[in-house]
Amino acid sequence: MNIRQWCQDIIQRPDRVAIPIMTHPGIEELSYKVRQAITDGDIHAKAIKYLALRYPTHAASVIMDLTVEAEAFGADVVFPEDEIATVTGHMLSTPEDIHALEIPSLAAARVPEYLKASVIARREIADRPVFAGCIGPFSLAGRLFDMSDMMMLIYSNPEAAHELLEKCTAFITRYIAALKATGIEGVLMAEPAAGLLSNDDCMTFSSIYVKRIVQLLQDEQFIIILHNCGNTGHCTEAMVATGAAGLHLGNKCDLADVATHVPSDILVMGNLDPVSVFKSSTPEEVYKETTQLLVETRQFPNIVISSGCDTPPHTPLANVDAFFSAIADFNKGLA
């Protein structure tokens, strides 16, 4: 598939397409637990396939798991049975720790299981692109060094911060290259911690590293979609500067306003609240919120309707049904 042409086709078509970031509803419908899915690539792929068969998503996506790469480096991760995994504590405390840090192999921790999930999903889902997931360099650095300490380090010792970011970028590049080799069409890079930075600092400590990855791996068959749910609009410029083919935004920003600052050939994706809308609202409220977002963004042909982040565990399928019903009805109105 020429995935860059796929992006342009979205922009040129008159109706709206949807790519919510969701795997958890599929896990639950198949009677598995979150822990099983994020430690077993076969189960993970089954959940992705289930949702692809049930819903007209314009692309299939894996879980947005921000612990995989940190665990590969050696970070401690807690695995609740039926909630998302979390990194506990931090493994680096000093610039000397950063200097001694070794870049792990792709055989470390759960990386092979996520590669397996991509292989199976690509084989089983033939009618749409499959997007894997990975963490961004600054967000990974924050999980290894502690986010608060990382925010101080970029000012107190920027050389050490850049050394850590270089190592994080090297591993992420290698990981994405392996994901690309599975035959999938892209990766959603989650860089939420960059939203804590000013636009200038985001450029210096995140975007230049993401741009390097984009330049190495993005091509006609593979794209990178940059996710930053911390961006309220203040670092959109830095996100655009990465050259990523798509930007995925969280519910903290005004999606229509962000779209005015993004070139028309870049996809702008988002941004219904995954918790208060997808998980906690009634189907009627989900339908209303989705319709409102569609109306507010109708003037931008590069908008792709999505959740603002990964839909969490225990998101009711009735709410996902309502989301797609709203989009179908909106599209009928356009016709």
C-alpha atoms as a PDB file:
ATOM      1  CA  MET A   1       0.000   0.000   0.000  1.00  0.00           C
ATOM      2  CA  ASN A   2       1.168   3.515  -0.793  1.00  0.00           C
ATOM      3  CA  ILE A   3       0.344   4.950   2.618  1.00  0.00           C
ATOM      4  CA  ARG A   4       1.154   8.522   1.620  1.00  0.00           C
ATOM      5  CA  GLN A   5      -1.471   8.239  -1.117  1.00  0.00           C
ATOM      6  CA  TRP A   6      -3.827   6.777   1.488  1.00  0.00           C
ATOM      7  CA  CYS A   7      -3.349   9.980   3.509  1.00  0.00           C
ATOM      8  CA  GLN A   8      -4.071  12.140   0.478  1.00  0.00           C
ATOM      9  CA  ASP A   9      -7.169  10.105  -0.331  1.00  0.00           C
ATOM     10  CA  ILE A  10      -8.522  10.892   3.138  1.00  0.00           C
ATOM     11  CA  ILE A  11      -7.959  14.598   2.565  1.00  0.00           C
ATOM     12  CA  GLN A  12      -9.591  14.546  -0.857  1.00  0.00           C
ATOM     13  CA  ARG A  13     -12.718  12.555   0.029  1.00  0.00           C
ATOM     14  CA  PRO A  14     -15.855  14.532   0.980  1.00  0.00           C
ATOM     15  CA  ASP A  15     -16.816  12.510   4.049  1.00  0.00           C
ATOM     16  CA  ARG A  16     -15.180  11.887   7.416  1.00  0.00           C
ATOM     17  CA  VAL A  17     -13.229   8.789   8.393  1.00  0.00           C
ATOM     18  CA  ALA A  18     -12.518   7.596  11.925  1.00  0.00           C
ATOM     19  CA  ILE A  19      -9.487   6.002  13.535  1.00  0.00           C
ATOM     20  CA  PRO A  20     -10.132   5.762  17.272  1.00  0.00           C
ATOM     21  CA  ILE A  21      -7.190   4.438  19.265  1.00  0.00           C
ATOM     22  CA  MET A  22      -8.775   1.426  20.908  1.00  0.00           C
ATOM     23  CA  THR A  23      -7.914  -2.150  21.719  1.00  0.00           C
ATOM     24  CA  HIS A  24      -9.272  -2.603  25.237  1.00  0.00           C
ATOM     25  CA  PRO A  25     -12.916  -3.141  24.171  1.00  0.00           C
ATOM     26  CA  GLY A  26     -11.742  -6.028  22.006  1.00  0.00           C
ATOM     27  CA  ILE A  27      -9.752  -7.536  24.864  1.00  0.00           C
ATOM     28  CA  GLU A  28     -12.796  -7.513  27.112  1.00  0.00           C
ATOM     29  CA  GLU A  29     -15.202  -8.841  24.490  1.00  0.00           C
ATOM     30  CA  LEU A  30     -12.896 -11.814  23.949  1.00  0.00           C
ATOM     31  CA  SER A  31     -12.851 -12.445  27.741  1.00  0.00           C
ATOM     32  CA  TYR A  32      -9.167 -11.672  28.199  1.00  0.00           C
ATOM     33  CA  LYS A  33      -7.497  -9.411  30.742  1.00  0.00           C
ATOM     34  CA  VAL A  34      -5.292  -6.420  29.960  1.00  0.00           C
ATOM     35  CA  ARG A  35      -2.277  -8.155  31.459  1.00  0.00           C
ATOM     36  CA  GLN A  36      -2.733 -11.089  29.086  1.00  0.00           C
ATOM     37  CA  ALA A  37      -2.955  -8.854  26.010  1.00  0.00           C
ATOM     38  CA  ILE A  38       0.117  -6.763  26.776  1.00  0.00           C
ATOM     39  CA  THR A  39       2.264  -9.810  27.514  1.00  0.00           C
ATOM     40  CA  ASP A  40       1.053 -12.095  24.709  1.00  0.00           C
ATOM     41  CA  GLY A  41       1.216 -10.934  21.095  1.00  0.00           C
ATOM     42  CA  ASP A  42      -1.307 -13.559  19.950  1.00  0.00           C
ATOM     43  CA  ILE A  43      -3.998 -12.315  22.339  1.00  0.00           C
ATOM     44  CA  HIS A  44      -3.175  -8.694  21.525  1.00  0.00           C
ATOM     45  CA  ALA A  45      -3.613  -9.365  17.795  1.00  0.00           C
ATOM     46  CA  LYS A  46      -6.916 -11.178  18.373  1.00  0.00           C
ATOM     47  CA  ALA A  47      -8.318  -8.064  20.067  1.00  0.00           C
ATOM     48  CA  ILE A  48      -7.131  -5.834  17.216  1.00  0.00           C
ATOM     49  CA  LYS A  49      -8.708  -8.161  14.643  1.00  0.00           C
ATOM     50  CA  TYR A  50     -11.991  -8.376  16.573  1.00  0.00           C
ATOM     51  CA  LEU A  51     -12.443  -4.605  16.522  1.00  0.00           C
ATOM     52  CA  ALA A  52     -11.416  -4.367  12.863  1.00  0.00           C
ATOM     53  CA  LEU A  53     -14.145  -6.858  11.981  1.00  0.00           C
ATOM     54  CA  ARG A  54     -16.762  -5.101  14.109  1.00  0.00           C
ATOM     55  CA  TYR A  55     -16.111  -1.449  13.210  1.00  0.00           C
ATOM     56  CA  PRO A  56     -15.369   0.529  10.016  1.00  0.00           C
ATOM     57  CA  THR A  57     -12.168   2.003  11.378  1.00  0.00           C
ATOM     58  CA  HIS A  58     -10.072   3.488   8.594  1.00  0.00           C
ATOM     59  CA  ALA A  59      -6.999   1.843  10.135  1.00  0.00           C
ATOM     60  CA  ALA A  60      -6.402  -0.702  12.877  1.00  0.00           C
ATOM     61  CA  SER A  61      -4.207   0.203  15.838  1.00  0.00           C
ATOM     62  CA  VAL A  62      -2.468  -1.552  18.707  1.00  0.00           C
ATOM     63  CA  ILE A  63      -2.589  -0.610  22.377  1.00  0.00           C
ATOM     64  CA  MET A  64      -0.902   2.655  23.314  1.00  0.00           C
ATOM     65  CA  ASP A  65       1.430   1.149  25.921  1.00  0.00           C
ATOM     66  CA  LEU A  66       4.005   3.607  27.273  1.00  0.00           C
ATOM     67  CA  THR A  67       5.840   1.023  29.362  1.00  0.00           C
ATOM     68  CA  VAL A  68       7.257  -1.345  26.717  1.00  0.00           C
ATOM     69  CA  GLU A  69      10.418   0.575  25.876  1.00  0.00           C
ATOM     70  CA  ALA A  70      11.096   1.658  29.459  1.00  0.00           C
ATOM     71  CA  GLU A  71      10.839  -1.953  30.623  1.00  0.00           C
ATOM     72  CA  ALA A  72      13.280  -2.972  27.884  1.00  0.00           C
ATOM     73  CA  PHE A  73      15.798  -0.508  29.368  1.00  0.00           C
ATOM     74  CA  GLY A  74      15.283  -2.106  32.785  1.00  0.00           C
ATOM     75  CA  ALA A  75      12.599   0.047  34.410  1.00  0.00           C
ATOM     76  CA  ASP A  76      10.272  -1.583  36.925  1.00  0.00           C
ATOM     77  CA  VAL A  77       6.735  -2.014  35.586  1.00  0.00           C
ATOM     78  CA  VAL A  78       3.600  -2.953  37.520  1.00  0.00           C
ATOM     79  CA  PHE A  79       1.069  -5.121  35.660  1.00  0.00           C
ATOM     80  CA  PRO A  80      -2.440  -4.867  37.127  1.00  0.00           C
ATOM     81  CA  GLU A  81      -4.695  -7.672  35.967  1.00  0.00           C
ATOM     82  CA  ASP A  82      -7.242  -5.451  34.259  1.00  0.00           C
ATOM     83  CA  GLU A  83      -5.749  -1.954  34.021  1.00  0.00           C
ATOM     84  CA  ILE A  84      -2.926  -0.417  32.010  1.00  0.00           C
ATOM     85  CA  ALA A  85       0.646  -1.137  33.088  1.00  0.00           C
ATOM     86  CA  THR A  86       2.653   1.619  34.778  1.00  0.00           C
ATOM     87  CA  VAL A  87       6.337   2.367  35.353  1.00  0.00           C
ATOM     88  CA  THR A  88       7.194   2.642  39.044  1.00  0.00           C
ATOM     89  CA  GLY A  89      10.019   4.735  40.443  1.00  0.00           C
ATOM     90  CA  HIS A  90      12.891   5.625  38.160  1.00  0.00           C
ATOM     91  CA  MET A  91      16.063   3.778  37.319  1.00  0.00           C
ATOM     92  CA  LEU A  92      18.333   6.776  36.662  1.00  0.00           C
ATOM     93  CA  SER A  93      19.225   9.456  39.199  1.00  0.00           C
ATOM     94  CA  THR A  94      22.445  11.129  38.052  1.00  0.00           C
ATOM     95  CA  PRO A  95      24.264  12.132  34.864  1.00  0.00           C
ATOM     96  CA  GLU A  96      26.667   9.272  35.649  1.00  0.00           C
ATOM     97  CA  ASP A  97      23.744   6.848  35.515  1.00  0.00           C
ATOM     98  CA  ILE A  98      22.815   8.222  32.097  1.00  0.00           C
ATOM     99  CA  HIS A  99      26.365   7.817  30.832  1.00  0.00           C
ATOM    100  CA  ALA A 100      26.453   4.188  31.999  1.00  0.00           C
ATOM    101  CA  LEU A 101      23.038   3.335  30.541  1.00  0.00           C
ATOM    102  CA  GLU A 102      23.169   0.652  27.855  1.00  0.00           C
ATOM    103  CA  ILE A 103      20.809   0.597  24.889  1.00  0.00           C
ATOM    104  CA  PRO A 104      18.882  -2.700  25.065  1.00  0.00           C
ATOM    105  CA  SER A 105      18.357  -5.238  22.317  1.00  0.00           C
ATOM    106  CA  LEU A 106      15.006  -5.858  20.647  1.00  0.00           C
ATOM    107  CA  ALA A 107      14.851  -9.177  22.492  1.00  0.00           C
ATOM    108  CA  ALA A 108      14.419  -7.390  25.821  1.00  0.00           C
ATOM    109  CA  ALA A 109      11.278  -7.656  27.957  1.00  0.00           C
ATOM    110  CA  ARG A 110       7.981  -7.540  25.976  1.00  0.00           C
ATOM    111  CA  VAL A 111       9.342  -6.044  22.764  1.00  0.00           C
ATOM    112  CA  PRO A 112       9.152  -9.421  20.932  1.00  0.00           C
ATOM    113  CA  GLU A 113       5.479  -9.784  21.883  1.00  0.00           C
ATOM    114  CA  TYR A 114       4.628  -6.379  20.439  1.00  0.00           C
ATOM    115  CA  LEU A 115       6.491  -7.237  17.256  1.00  0.00           C
ATOM    116  CA  LYS A 116       4.544 -10.499  17.132  1.00  0.00           C
ATOM    117  CA  ALA A 117       1.231  -8.632  17.536  1.00  0.00           C
ATOM    118  CA  SER A 118       2.113  -6.466  14.541  1.00  0.00           C
ATOM    119  CA  VAL A 119       3.074  -9.475  12.417  1.00  0.00           C
ATOM    120  CA  ILE A 120      -0.205 -11.264  13.161  1.00  0.00           C
ATOM    121  CA  ALA A 121      -2.391  -8.166  12.834  1.00  0.00           C
ATOM    122  CA  ARG A 122      -0.832  -7.353   9.456  1.00  0.00           C
ATOM    123  CA  ARG A 123      -1.462 -10.925   8.291  1.00  0.00           C
ATOM    124  CA  GLU A 124      -5.048 -11.088   9.579  1.00  0.00           C
ATOM    125  CA  ILE A 125      -6.268  -7.602   8.608  1.00  0.00           C
ATOM    126  CA  ALA A 126      -5.997  -7.097   4.872  1.00  0.00           C
ATOM    127  CA  ASP A 127      -8.534  -4.354   4.140  1.00  0.00           C
ATOM    128  CA  ARG A 128      -6.961  -1.370   5.943  1.00  0.00           C
ATOM    129  CA  PRO A 129      -3.613  -0.149   7.276  1.00  0.00           C
ATOM    130  CA  VAL A 130      -2.308  -1.388  10.606  1.00  0.00           C
ATOM    131  CA  PHE A 131      -0.551   1.075  12.904  1.00  0.00           C
ATOM    132  CA  ALA A 132       1.673  -0.065  15.739  1.00  0.00           C
ATOM    133  CA  GLY A 133       2.603   2.107  18.698  1.00  0.00           C
ATOM    134  CA  CYS A 134       5.740   3.342  20.391  1.00  0.00           C
ATOM    135  CA  ILE A 135       6.777   5.980  22.889  1.00  0.00           C
ATOM    136  CA  GLY A 136       8.528   9.229  21.961  1.00  0.00           C
ATOM    137  CA  PRO A 137      12.093  10.099  23.039  1.00  0.00           C
ATOM    138  CA  PHE A 138      11.288  12.748  25.649  1.00  0.00           C
ATOM    139  CA  SER A 139       8.487  10.700  27.209  1.00  0.00           C
ATOM    140  CA  LEU A 140      10.770   7.663  27.433  1.00  0.00           C
ATOM    141  CA  ALA A 141      13.528   9.744  29.008  1.00  0.00           C
ATOM    142  CA  GLY A 142      11.055  10.948  31.615  1.00  0.00           C
ATOM    143  CA  ARG A 143      10.116   7.397  32.508  1.00  0.00           C
ATOM    144  CA  LEU A 144      13.743   6.427  32.965  1.00  0.00           C
ATOM    145  CA  PHE A 145      14.974   9.516  34.808  1.00  0.00           C
ATOM    146  CA  ASP A 146      11.679  10.633  36.430  1.00  0.00           C
ATOM    147  CA  MET A 147       9.617  13.279  34.697  1.00  0.00           C
ATOM    148  CA  SER A 148      10.062  16.015  37.296  1.00  0.00           C
ATOM    149  CA  ASP A 149      13.797  15.428  37.418  1.00  0.00           C
ATOM    150  CA  MET A 150      13.973  15.404  33.619  1.00  0.00           C
ATOM    151  CA  MET A 151      12.252  18.785  33.497  1.00  0.00           C
ATOM    152  CA  MET A 152      14.950  20.159  35.801  1.00  0.00           C
ATOM    153  CA  LEU A 153      17.768  18.363  33.999  1.00  0.00           C
ATOM    154  CA  ILE A 154      17.096  20.062  30.665  1.00  0.00           C
ATOM    155  CA  TYR A 155      17.985  23.374  32.340  1.00  0.00           C
ATOM    156  CA  SER A 156      20.567  22.312  34.937  1.00  0.00           C
ATOM    157  CA  ASN A 157      22.505  19.906  32.719  1.00  0.00           C
ATOM    158  CA  PRO A 158      21.259  19.966  29.124  1.00  0.00           C
ATOM    159  CA  GLU A 159      24.271  17.951  27.956  1.00  0.00           C
ATOM    160  CA  ALA A 160      23.208  15.020  30.142  1.00  0.00           C
ATOM    161  CA  ALA A 161      19.608  15.422  28.993  1.00  0.00           C
ATOM    162  CA  HIS A 162      20.697  15.234  25.367  1.00  0.00           C
ATOM    163  CA  GLU A 163      22.863  12.189  26.076  1.00  0.00           C
ATOM    164  CA  LEU A 164      19.824  10.391  27.484  1.00  0.00           C
ATOM    165  CA  LEU A 165      17.647  11.521  24.578  1.00  0.00           C
ATOM    166  CA  GLU A 166      20.255  10.224  22.127  1.00  0.00           C
ATOM    167  CA  LYS A 167      20.107   6.787  23.728  1.00  0.00           C
ATOM    168  CA  CYS A 168      16.311   6.784  23.831  1.00  0.00           C
ATOM    169  CA  THR A 169      16.168   7.851  20.179  1.00  0.00           C
ATOM    170  CA  ALA A 170      18.616   5.157  19.132  1.00  0.00           C
ATOM    171  CA  PHE A 171      16.481   2.434  20.699  1.00  0.00           C
ATOM    172  CA  ILE A 172      13.175   3.828  19.434  1.00  0.00           C
ATOM    173  CA  THR A 173      14.606   4.086  15.912  1.00  0.00           C
ATOM    174  CA  ARG A 174      15.704   0.466  16.027  1.00  0.00           C
ATOM    175  CA  TYR A 175      12.314  -0.600  17.410  1.00  0.00           C
ATOM    176  CA  ILE A 176      10.317   1.272  14.771  1.00  0.00           C
ATOM    177  CA  ALA A 177      12.542  -0.153  12.039  1.00  0.00           C
ATOM    178  CA  ALA A 178      11.685  -3.642  13.311  1.00  0.00           C
ATOM    179  CA  LEU A 179       7.985  -2.762  13.392  1.00  0.00           C
ATOM    180  CA  LYS A 180       8.237  -1.456   9.841  1.00  0.00           C
ATOM    181  CA  ALA A 181       9.852  -4.723   8.777  1.00  0.00           C
ATOM    182  CA  THR A 182       6.709  -6.604   9.877  1.00  0.00           C
ATOM    183  CA  GLY A 183       4.873  -5.011   6.952  1.00  0.00           C
ATOM    184  CA  ILE A 184       2.607  -2.651   8.874  1.00  0.00           C
ATOM    185  CA  GLU A 185       1.968   0.781   7.433  1.00  0.00           C
ATOM    186  CA  GLY A 186       2.861   3.083  10.288  1.00  0.00           C
ATOM    187  CA  VAL A 187       3.383   3.791  13.938  1.00  0.00           C
ATOM    188  CA  LEU A 188       1.640   6.091  16.373  1.00  0.00           C
ATOM    189  CA  MET A 189       4.420   7.670  18.428  1.00  0.00           C
ATOM    190  CA  ALA A 190       3.160   8.771  21.840  1.00  0.00           C
ATOM    191  CA  GLU A 191       5.077  11.803  23.088  1.00  0.00           C
ATOM    192  CA  PRO A 192       2.698  13.249  25.721  1.00  0.00           C
ATOM    193  CA  ALA A 193       5.439  14.513  28.046  1.00  0.00           C
ATOM    194  CA  ALA A 194       6.548  16.962  25.348  1.00  0.00           C
ATOM    195  CA  GLY A 195       3.324  18.826  26.053  1.00  0.00           C
ATOM    196  CA  LEU A 196       4.869  19.931  29.354  1.00  0.00           C
ATOM    197  CA  LEU A 197       7.453  21.947  27.408  1.00  0.00           C
ATOM    198  CA  SER A 198       7.259  25.327  25.740  1.00  0.00           C
ATOM    199  CA  ASN A 199       7.277  25.313  21.958  1.00  0.00           C
ATOM    200  CA  ASP A 200      10.994  26.175  21.883  1.00  0.00           C
ATOM    201  CA  ASP A 201      11.910  23.513  24.424  1.00  0.00           C
ATOM    202  CA  CYS A 202       9.674  20.992  22.679  1.00  0.00           C
ATOM    203  CA  MET A 203      11.615  21.705  19.502  1.00  0.00           C
ATOM    204  CA  THR A 204      14.974  21.268  21.267  1.00  0.00           C
ATOM    205  CA  PHE A 205      14.279  18.262  23.477  1.00  0.00           C
ATOM    206  CA  SER A 206      11.677  16.362  21.469  1.00  0.00           C
ATOM    207  CA  SER A 207      11.006  17.432  17.902  1.00  0.00           C
ATOM    208  CA  ILE A 208      14.593  17.353  16.635  1.00  0.00           C
ATOM    209  CA  TYR A 209      14.836  13.736  17.764  1.00  0.00           C
ATOM    210  CA  VAL A 210      11.443  12.776  16.352  1.00  0.00           C
ATOM    211  CA  LYS A 211      12.361  14.483  13.085  1.00  0.00           C
ATOM    212  CA  ARG A 212      15.494  12.365  12.857  1.00  0.00           C
ATOM    213  CA  ILE A 213      13.387   9.205  13.168  1.00  0.00           C
ATOM    214  CA  VAL A 214      10.880  10.497  10.618  1.00  0.00           C
ATOM    215  CA  GLN A 215      13.614  11.258   8.110  1.00  0.00           C
ATOM    216  CA  LEU A 216      15.103   7.784   8.508  1.00  0.00           C
ATOM    217  CA  LEU A 217      11.934   5.688   8.400  1.00  0.00           C
ATOM    218  CA  GLN A 218       8.964   7.531   6.938  1.00  0.00           C
ATOM    219  CA  ASP A 219       8.403   6.892   3.243  1.00  0.00           C
ATOM    220  CA  GLU A 220       5.695   5.955   0.720  1.00  0.00           C
ATOM    221  CA  GLN A 221       4.967   2.684   2.517  1.00  0.00           C
ATOM    222  CA  PHE A 222       5.319   3.771   6.144  1.00  0.00           C
ATOM    223  CA  ILE A 223       4.253   6.854   8.094  1.00  0.00           C
ATOM    224  CA  ILE A 224       4.731   8.195  11.583  1.00  0.00           C
ATOM    225  CA  ILE A 225       1.804   9.790  13.398  1.00  0.00           C
ATOM    226  CA  LEU A 226       2.946  11.934  16.316  1.00  0.00           C
ATOM    227  CA  HIS A 227       0.673  11.873  19.368  1.00  0.00           C
ATOM    228  CA  ASN A 228       0.899  14.619  21.992  1.00  0.00           C
ATOM    229  CA  CYS A 229      -2.110  14.780  24.284  1.00  0.00           C
ATOM    230  CA  GLY A 230      -0.294  17.372  26.401  1.00  0.00           C
ATOM    231  CA  ASN A 231      -0.383  19.939  23.606  1.00  0.00           C
ATOM    232  CA  THR A 232      -2.988  22.592  24.329  1.00  0.00           C
ATOM    233  CA  GLY A 233      -2.020  24.347  21.121  1.00  0.00           C
ATOM    234  CA  HIS A 234       1.179  25.863  22.498  1.00  0.00           C
ATOM    235  CA  CYS A 235       3.571  23.427  20.798  1.00  0.00           C
ATOM    236  CA  THR A 236       1.761  22.673  17.552  1.00  0.00           C
ATOM    237  CA  GLU A 237       4.543  24.407  15.624  1.00  0.00           C
ATOM    238  CA  ALA A 238       7.112  22.049  17.124  1.00  0.00           C
ATOM    239  CA  MET A 239       4.964  19.031  16.268  1.00  0.00           C
ATOM    240  CA  VAL A 240       4.622  20.150  12.640  1.00  0.00           C
ATOM    241  CA  ALA A 241       8.386  20.645  12.437  1.00  0.00           C
ATOM    242  CA  THR A 242       8.986  16.912  12.920  1.00  0.00           C
ATOM    243  CA  GLY A 243       7.709  16.162   9.421  1.00  0.00           C
ATOM    244  CA  ALA A 244       5.357  13.473  10.716  1.00  0.00           C
ATOM    245  CA  ALA A 245       2.599  12.629   8.224  1.00  0.00           C
ATOM    246  CA  GLY A 246      -0.046  12.939  10.911  1.00  0.00           C
ATOM    247  CA  LEU A 247      -0.533  14.665  14.256  1.00  0.00           C
ATOM    248  CA  HIS A 248      -2.736  13.070  16.915  1.00  0.00           C
ATOM    249  CA  LEU A 249      -4.081  15.451  19.564  1.00  0.00           C
ATOM    250  CA  GLY A 250      -5.670  15.024  22.969  1.00  0.00           C
ATOM    251  CA  ASN A 251      -8.825  16.580  24.330  1.00  0.00           C
ATOM    252  CA  LYS A 252      -6.967  19.455  26.015  1.00  0.00           C
ATOM    253  CA  CYS A 253      -6.804  21.381  22.756  1.00  0.00           C
ATOM    254  CA  ASP A 254      -9.321  22.907  20.358  1.00  0.00           C
ATOM    255  CA  LEU A 255      -8.924  20.611  17.362  1.00  0.00           C
ATOM    256  CA  ALA A 256     -10.271  23.144  14.866  1.00  0.00           C
ATOM    257  CA  ASP A 257      -7.901  25.802  16.173  1.00  0.00           C
ATOM    258  CA  VAL A 258      -4.923  23.438  15.948  1.00  0.00           C
ATOM    259  CA  ALA A 259      -5.909  22.568  12.380  1.00  0.00           C
ATOM    260  CA  THR A 260      -5.549  26.222  11.370  1.00  0.00           C
ATOM    261  CA  HIS A 261      -1.835  25.984  12.265  1.00  0.00           C
ATOM    262  CA  VAL A 262      -1.144  22.694  10.461  1.00  0.00           C
ATOM    263  CA  PRO A 263      -0.374  22.406   6.725  1.00  0.00           C
ATOM    264  CA  SER A 264      -3.318  21.004   4.809  1.00  0.00           C
ATOM    265  CA  ASP A 265      -1.395  17.928   3.649  1.00  0.00           C
ATOM    266  CA  ILE A 266      -0.804  16.689   7.221  1.00  0.00           C
ATOM    267  CA  LEU A 267      -3.520  14.626   8.921  1.00  0.00           C
ATOM    268  CA  VAL A 268      -4.893  16.124  12.135  1.00  0.00           C
ATOM    269  CA  MET A 269      -6.399  13.431  14.342  1.00  0.00           C
ATOM    270  CA  GLY A 270      -8.430  13.557  17.553  1.00  0.00           C
ATOM    271  CA  ASN A 271      -9.748  14.407  19.992  1.00  0.00           C
ATOM    272  CA  LEU A 272     -12.755  13.129  21.961  1.00  0.00           C
ATOM    273  CA  ASP A 273     -11.955  12.581  25.629  1.00  0.00           C
ATOM    274  CA  PRO A 274     -11.247   8.849  26.042  1.00  0.00           C
ATOM    275  CA  VAL A 275     -12.410   8.826  29.668  1.00  0.00           C
ATOM    276  CA  SER A 276     -15.201  11.339  30.123  1.00  0.00           C
ATOM    277  CA  VAL A 277     -16.709  10.701  26.675  1.00  0.00           C
ATOM    278  CA  PHE A 278     -15.852   7.174  25.517  1.00  0.00           C
ATOM    279  CA  LYS A 279     -15.795   5.453  28.900  1.00  0.00           C
ATOM    280  CA  SER A 280     -18.065   7.428  31.215  1.00  0.00           C
ATOM    281  CA  SER A 281     -20.748   8.999  29.029  1.00  0.00           C
ATOM    282  CA  THR A 282     -24.021   7.507  27.866  1.00  0.00           C
ATOM    283  CA  PRO A 283     -24.339   6.461  24.207  1.00  0.00           C
ATOM    284  CA  GLU A 284     -26.559   9.496  23.634  1.00  0.00           C
ATOM    285  CA  GLU A 285     -23.880  11.795  25.032  1.00  0.00           C
ATOM    286  CA  VAL A 286     -21.174  10.119  22.927  1.00  0.00           C
ATOM    287  CA  TYR A 287     -23.318  10.622  19.819  1.00  0.00           C
ATOM    288  CA  LYS A 288     -23.822  14.294  20.696  1.00  0.00           C
ATOM    289  CA  GLU A 289     -20.135  14.971  21.464  1.00  0.00           C
ATOM    290  CA  THR A 290     -19.006  13.220  18.288  1.00  0.00           C
ATOM    291  CA  THR A 291     -21.480  15.125  16.150  1.00  0.00           C
ATOM    292  CA  GLN A 292     -20.416  18.412  17.705  1.00  0.00           C
ATOM    293  CA  LEU A 293     -16.747  17.715  16.936  1.00  0.00           C
ATOM    294  CA  LEU A 294     -17.621  16.777  13.357  1.00  0.00           C
ATOM    295  CA  VAL A 295     -19.512  20.024  12.880  1.00  0.00           C
ATOM    296  CA  GLU A 296     -16.788  22.160  14.491  1.00  0.00           C
ATOM    297  CA  THR A 297     -14.097  20.692  12.233  1.00  0.00           C
ATOM    298  CA  ARG A 298     -16.043  20.240   8.996  1.00  0.00           C
ATOM    299  CA  GLN A 299     -14.104  22.964   7.171  1.00  0.00           C
ATOM    300  CA  PHE A 300     -10.812  21.055   7.499  1.00  0.00           C
ATOM    301  CA  PRO A 301     -10.525  18.160   5.028  1.00  0.00           C
ATOM    302  CA  ASN A 302      -7.419  16.787   6.769  1.00  0.00           C
ATOM    303  CA  ILE A 303      -9.256  16.044  10.026  1.00  0.00           C
ATOM    304  CA  VAL A 304      -9.591  12.403  11.098  1.00  0.00           C
ATOM    305  CA  ILE A 305     -12.013  11.829  13.981  1.00  0.00           C
ATOM    306  CA  SER A 306     -10.449   9.867  16.816  1.00  0.00           C
ATOM    307  CA  SER A 307     -10.234   9.461  20.553  1.00  0.00           C
ATOM    308  CA  GLY A 308      -7.891  11.932  22.220  1.00  0.00           C
ATOM    309  CA  CYS A 309      -5.808   9.045  23.519  1.00  0.00           C
ATOM    310  CA  ASP A 310      -6.143   5.290  23.904  1.00  0.00           C
ATOM    311  CA  THR A 311      -9.658   4.361  25.008  1.00  0.00           C
ATOM    312  CA  PRO A 312      -9.237   2.860  28.500  1.00  0.00           C
ATOM    313  CA  PRO A 313     -10.255  -0.519  29.852  1.00  0.00           C
ATOM    314  CA  HIS A 314     -13.992  -0.953  30.482  1.00  0.00           C
ATOM    315  CA  THR A 315     -15.053   1.378  27.669  1.00  0.00           C
ATOM    316  CA  PRO A 316     -18.589   0.193  26.775  1.00  0.00           C
ATOM    317  CA  LEU A 317     -19.066  -1.081  23.244  1.00  0.00           C
ATOM    318  CA  ALA A 318     -22.401   0.744  23.191  1.00  0.00           C
ATOM    319  CA  ASN A 319     -20.449   3.993  23.370  1.00  0.00           C
ATOM    320  CA  VAL A 320     -18.158   2.935  20.530  1.00  0.00           C
ATOM    321  CA  ASP A 321     -21.277   2.015  18.538  1.00  0.00           C
ATOM    322  CA  ALA A 322     -22.670   5.511  19.177  1.00  0.00           C
ATOM    323  CA  PHE A 323     -19.400   7.093  18.024  1.00  0.00           C
ATOM    324  CA  PHE A 324     -19.577   5.327  14.676  1.00  0.00           C
ATOM    325  CA  SER A 325     -23.315   5.957  14.339  1.00  0.00           C
ATOM    326  CA  ALA A 326     -22.718   9.698  14.710  1.00  0.00           C
ATOM    327  CA  ILE A 327     -20.071   9.622  11.992  1.00  0.00           C
ATOM    328  CA  ALA A 328     -22.297   7.587   9.654  1.00  0.00           C
ATOM    329  CA  ASP A 329     -25.195   9.985  10.137  1.00  0.00           C
ATOM    330  CA  PHE A 330     -22.972  13.023   9.625  1.00  0.00           C
ATOM    331  CA  ASN A 331     -21.656  11.541   6.393  1.00  0.00           C
ATOM    332  CA  LYS A 332     -25.200  10.850   5.180  1.00  0.00           C
ATOM    333  CA  GLY A 333     -25.960  14.493   5.765  1.00  0.00           C
ATOM    334  CA  LEU A 334     -23.015  15.489   3.600  1.00  0.00           C
ATOM    335  CA  ALA A 335     -24.292  13.245   0.803  1.00  0.00           C
END
